Amino acid sequence: MRVIICDDHAVFADSLSLVLGDAGHIVAGVTYSPQDLLAVLRGRRADVCLIDLHFPSGTALDWMPRLRAAAPETMFVVLTGFMDQEVLDAGLAAGVRGFAHKGQQAHDILTVLRRVAAGDVVADLGGRGGARHGGAAAGAGGDARTRSQAQKVAQFLTPREREVLTRLARGESTQALAKAMGVTRSTARSHVQSVLSKLGVHSQREAVIEAARHGLVSVETGEWLAG
């Protein structure tokens, strides 16, 4: 499956591209605006394009006629944090082939992409349950491996370090993190450095991507996922 991702939440887009690559799929491009996506679609072939619903320049549905004209063979999946019948109806009328919910874990979003690539139209109201049930049989082994890997990584993090990681996933600065946790900036930096060391990365951005890759946190909500 060749996939292009478009989301102005750069950490989310980049981390999902790693998940797709780890699953054996080809990420043909990662873009952060519909304008950039148009250029990529014209120059690269993709089976599926995952695009966020809301952008400063308008919604994905506003852009859909131009996007589909640029890549008639590409199937579009819209990513949204809120599912309602009006959005689903408008999306289907615009030629969208699937919807994924931002509250889903990465492997659930991947299931939606696979179903659409296989020819399904995935428009379950509520999003979360439909996508999971639809791909449960095919993805059970991969989900178990993801959970197992996440648990192994999580056991090396203290509760304080887990909190730091979730706050980094929400985009908090070291200063904001220190204030929220009631510690000095120096102590906050120390906690951050400890997280980076344990994850084997060199920057806060890499830490969030690695955490999402292992299923530890949701990069959309900052929620801790590893139990």
Protein backbone atom coordinates (compact mmCIF):
# COMPACT_ATOMS: atom_id res chain seq x y z
CA MET A 1 0.00 0.00 0.00
CA ARG A 2 1.36 3.40 -1.02
CA VAL A 3 0.14 6.15 1.31
CA ILE A 4 0.40 9.94 1.45
CA ILE A 5 -0.29 11.69 4.77
CA CYS A 6 -1.48 15.28 5.16
CA ASP A 7 -1.90 16.74 8.64
CA ASP A 8 -0.78 20.08 10.08
CA HIS A 9 0.06 18.29 13.34
CA ALA A 10 3.61 17.46 12.23
CA VAL A 11 4.46 15.08 15.07
CA PHE A 12 1.30 13.05 14.40
CA ALA A 13 1.98 12.90 10.65
CA ASP A 14 5.62 11.93 11.10
CA SER A 15 4.91 9.29 13.74
CA LEU A 16 2.14 7.72 11.67
CA SER A 17 4.50 7.55 8.68
CA LEU A 18 6.89 5.50 10.84
CA VAL A 19 4.08 3.16 11.89
CA LEU A 20 3.12 2.63 8.24
CA GLY A 21 6.73 1.99 7.28
CA ASP A 22 7.17 -0.49 10.12
CA ALA A 23 4.05 -2.31 8.88
CA GLY A 24 5.64 -2.76 5.45
CA HIS A 25 3.80 -0.02 3.56
CA ILE A 26 5.32 2.73 1.42
CA VAL A 27 4.89 6.33 2.56
CA ALA A 28 5.00 8.24 -0.71
CA GLY A 29 4.86 11.60 1.02
CA VAL A 30 4.14 13.49 4.24
CA THR A 31 2.69 16.99 3.90
CA TYR A 32 1.32 19.52 6.36
CA SER A 33 -1.17 21.51 4.22
CA PRO A 34 -3.60 20.82 1.38
CA GLN A 35 -1.62 23.21 -0.84
CA ASP A 36 1.53 21.10 -0.46
CA LEU A 37 -0.52 17.93 -0.82
CA LEU A 38 -1.76 19.03 -4.24
CA ALA A 39 1.79 19.26 -5.57
CA VAL A 40 2.73 15.87 -4.11
CA LEU A 41 -0.37 14.17 -5.51
CA ARG A 42 0.45 15.45 -8.99
CA GLY A 43 3.96 14.05 -8.85
CA ARG A 44 3.64 10.77 -6.91
CA ARG A 45 1.34 7.80 -7.11
CA ALA A 46 -0.54 6.75 -3.98
CA ASP A 47 -3.22 4.15 -3.31
CA VAL A 48 -4.57 6.00 -0.27
CA CYS A 49 -4.26 9.51 1.10
CA LEU A 50 -4.98 10.19 4.78
CA ILE A 51 -5.91 13.83 5.30
CA ASP A 52 -6.95 15.72 8.43
CA LEU A 53 -10.37 17.37 8.28
CA HIS A 54 -9.47 20.86 9.50
CA PHE A 55 -6.78 23.24 8.21
CA PRO A 56 -6.39 27.03 8.42
CA SER A 57 -7.03 27.14 4.65
CA GLY A 58 -10.32 25.23 4.92
CA THR A 59 -11.55 21.71 5.47
CA ALA A 60 -10.43 18.61 3.60
CA LEU A 61 -13.93 18.49 2.08
CA ASP A 62 -13.48 22.01 0.68
CA TRP A 63 -10.27 20.83 -0.99
CA MET A 64 -11.58 17.45 -2.12
CA PRO A 65 -12.58 18.41 -5.72
CA ARG A 66 -9.06 19.73 -6.41
CA LEU A 67 -7.36 16.85 -4.65
CA ARG A 68 -9.37 14.20 -6.49
CA ALA A 69 -8.78 15.96 -9.81
CA ALA A 70 -5.04 15.90 -9.14
CA ALA A 71 -5.07 12.16 -8.29
CA PRO A 72 -8.18 10.41 -9.66
CA GLU A 73 -6.90 6.94 -8.74
CA THR A 74 -6.11 7.80 -5.11
CA MET A 75 -8.65 6.94 -2.40
CA PHE A 76 -9.05 9.52 0.35
CA VAL A 77 -9.53 8.86 4.05
CA VAL A 78 -10.44 11.83 6.26
CA LEU A 79 -9.13 12.02 9.82
CA THR A 80 -11.40 13.80 12.28
CA GLY A 81 -11.78 14.20 16.01
CA PHE A 82 -15.56 14.44 15.83
CA MET A 83 -17.85 12.21 13.77
CA ASP A 84 -21.36 13.36 12.92
CA GLN A 85 -23.80 12.40 10.21
CA GLU A 86 -23.47 15.72 8.40
CA VAL A 87 -19.70 15.35 8.00
CA LEU A 88 -20.05 11.72 6.89
CA ASP A 89 -22.73 12.55 4.33
CA ALA A 90 -20.78 15.52 2.96
CA GLY A 91 -17.59 13.46 2.79
CA LEU A 92 -19.20 10.57 0.95
CA ALA A 93 -20.83 13.01 -1.47
CA ALA A 94 -17.39 14.55 -2.11
CA GLY A 95 -15.92 11.14 -2.91
CA VAL A 96 -14.23 10.33 0.41
CA ARG A 97 -13.81 6.56 0.82
CA GLY A 98 -13.25 6.38 4.56
CA PHE A 99 -13.12 8.17 7.89
CA ALA A 100 -10.70 7.57 10.77
CA HIS A 101 -11.15 8.94 14.26
CA LYS A 102 -8.31 10.88 15.90
CA GLY A 103 -9.03 9.09 19.17
CA GLN A 104 -7.99 5.78 17.65
CA GLN A 105 -4.57 4.29 18.15
CA ALA A 106 -2.25 4.20 15.14
CA HIS A 107 -2.90 0.52 14.38
CA ASP A 108 -6.66 1.22 14.23
CA ILE A 109 -6.11 4.03 11.74
CA LEU A 110 -3.93 1.65 9.74
CA THR A 111 -6.81 -0.84 9.69
CA VAL A 112 -9.08 1.80 8.16
CA LEU A 113 -6.47 2.58 5.48
CA ARG A 114 -6.09 -1.11 4.66
CA ARG A 115 -9.85 -1.60 4.37
CA VAL A 116 -10.17 1.38 2.03
CA ALA A 117 -7.22 0.19 -0.06
CA ALA A 118 -8.98 -3.19 -0.33
CA GLY A 119 -12.06 -1.50 -1.77
CA ASP A 120 -14.25 -0.94 1.30
CA VAL A 121 -16.02 2.29 2.12
CA VAL A 122 -15.45 2.87 5.83
CA ALA A 123 -17.95 5.37 7.19
CA ASP A 124 -18.99 4.00 10.57
CA LEU A 125 -20.66 6.66 12.69
CA GLY A 126 -18.48 6.96 15.79
CA GLY A 127 -15.48 5.68 13.86
CA ARG A 128 -13.65 3.96 16.70
CA GLY A 129 -15.66 0.77 17.03
CA GLY A 130 -16.32 0.21 13.33
CA ALA A 131 -12.70 0.37 12.30
CA ARG A 132 -11.58 -1.89 15.09
CA HIS A 133 -14.16 -4.58 14.45
CA GLY A 134 -13.56 -4.47 10.72
CA GLY A 135 -9.85 -5.26 11.04
CA ALA A 136 -9.72 -7.30 14.23
CA ALA A 137 -9.05 -10.69 12.69
CA ALA A 138 -6.31 -9.49 10.37
CA GLY A 139 -4.58 -7.25 12.92
CA ALA A 140 -4.80 -9.24 16.14
CA GLY A 141 -1.25 -10.57 16.01
CA GLY A 142 0.21 -7.16 15.16
CA ASP A 143 -1.78 -5.49 17.95
CA ALA A 144 -0.53 -8.05 20.48
CA ARG A 145 3.06 -7.43 19.39
CA THR A 146 2.55 -3.66 19.66
CA ARG A 147 1.15 -3.98 23.19
CA SER A 148 3.97 -6.31 24.24
CA GLN A 149 6.62 -3.94 22.88
CA ALA A 150 4.96 -0.97 24.54
CA GLN A 151 4.88 -2.73 27.90
CA LYS A 152 8.59 -3.55 27.65
CA VAL A 153 9.49 0.07 26.93
CA ALA A 154 7.05 1.43 29.53
CA GLN A 155 8.52 -0.60 32.38
CA PHE A 156 11.74 1.43 32.19
CA LEU A 157 9.93 4.73 32.73
CA THR A 158 9.02 6.02 36.18
CA PRO A 159 5.53 7.48 36.76
CA ARG A 160 7.11 10.95 36.68
CA GLU A 161 8.82 10.20 33.35
CA ARG A 162 5.56 8.91 31.92
CA GLU A 163 3.91 12.19 32.87
CA VAL A 164 6.74 14.10 31.20
CA LEU A 165 6.31 12.06 28.03
CA THR A 166 2.56 12.69 27.87
CA ARG A 167 3.13 16.41 28.35
CA LEU A 168 5.73 16.45 25.59
CA ALA A 169 3.20 14.71 23.36
CA ARG A 170 0.79 17.59 24.05
CA GLY A 171 3.44 20.02 22.85
CA GLU A 172 4.26 21.56 26.24
CA SER A 173 7.55 23.42 26.56
CA THR A 174 10.01 22.64 29.33
CA GLN A 175 8.91 25.84 31.10
CA ALA A 176 5.22 24.89 30.89
CA LEU A 177 6.04 21.36 31.94
CA ALA A 178 7.93 22.60 35.02
CA LYS A 179 5.04 24.87 36.04
CA ALA A 180 2.41 22.15 35.59
CA MET A 181 4.43 19.59 37.54
CA GLY A 182 5.39 22.03 40.30
CA VAL A 183 9.16 21.63 39.83
CA THR A 184 12.01 23.90 38.80
CA ARG A 185 12.99 24.25 35.16
CA SER A 186 16.25 22.50 35.94
CA THR A 187 14.41 19.50 37.42
CA ALA A 188 12.05 19.44 34.44
CA ARG A 189 15.01 19.41 32.05
CA SER A 190 16.51 16.56 34.05
CA HIS A 191 13.30 14.54 33.72
CA VAL A 192 13.18 15.22 29.98
CA GLN A 193 16.79 14.15 29.53
CA SER A 194 16.10 10.94 31.43
CA VAL A 195 13.18 10.17 29.10
CA LEU A 196 15.35 10.83 26.04
CA SER A 197 18.08 8.55 27.36
CA LYS A 198 15.71 5.68 28.13
CA LEU A 199 14.08 5.94 24.70
CA GLY A 200 17.47 6.20 22.98
CA VAL A 201 16.70 9.48 21.20
CA HIS A 202 18.26 12.94 21.05
CA SER A 203 15.34 15.39 20.95
CA GLN A 204 11.89 15.89 22.44
CA ARG A 205 10.32 15.50 18.97
CA GLU A 206 12.08 12.16 18.48
CA ALA A 207 10.91 11.09 21.95
CA VAL A 208 7.26 11.71 21.06
CA ILE A 209 7.60 9.94 17.72
CA GLU A 210 9.29 6.96 19.36
CA ALA A 211 6.63 6.84 22.09
CA ALA A 212 3.86 6.87 19.50
CA ARG A 213 5.68 4.24 17.47
CA HIS A 214 5.72 1.91 20.49
CA GLY A 215 2.09 2.68 21.36
CA LEU A 216 2.95 4.45 24.61
CA VAL A 217 1.08 7.73 24.04
CA SER A 218 -1.46 9.27 21.72
CA VAL A 219 0.15 12.19 19.92
CA GLU A 220 -3.30 13.72 19.41
CA THR A 221 -4.49 13.75 23.02
CA GLY A 222 -1.31 13.10 25.02
CA GLU A 223 -3.09 10.22 26.69
CA TRP A 224 -0.95 7.41 28.12
CA LEU A 225 -1.84 4.19 26.26
CA ALA A 226 0.51 1.55 27.62
CA GLY A 227 -1.50 0.67 30.72
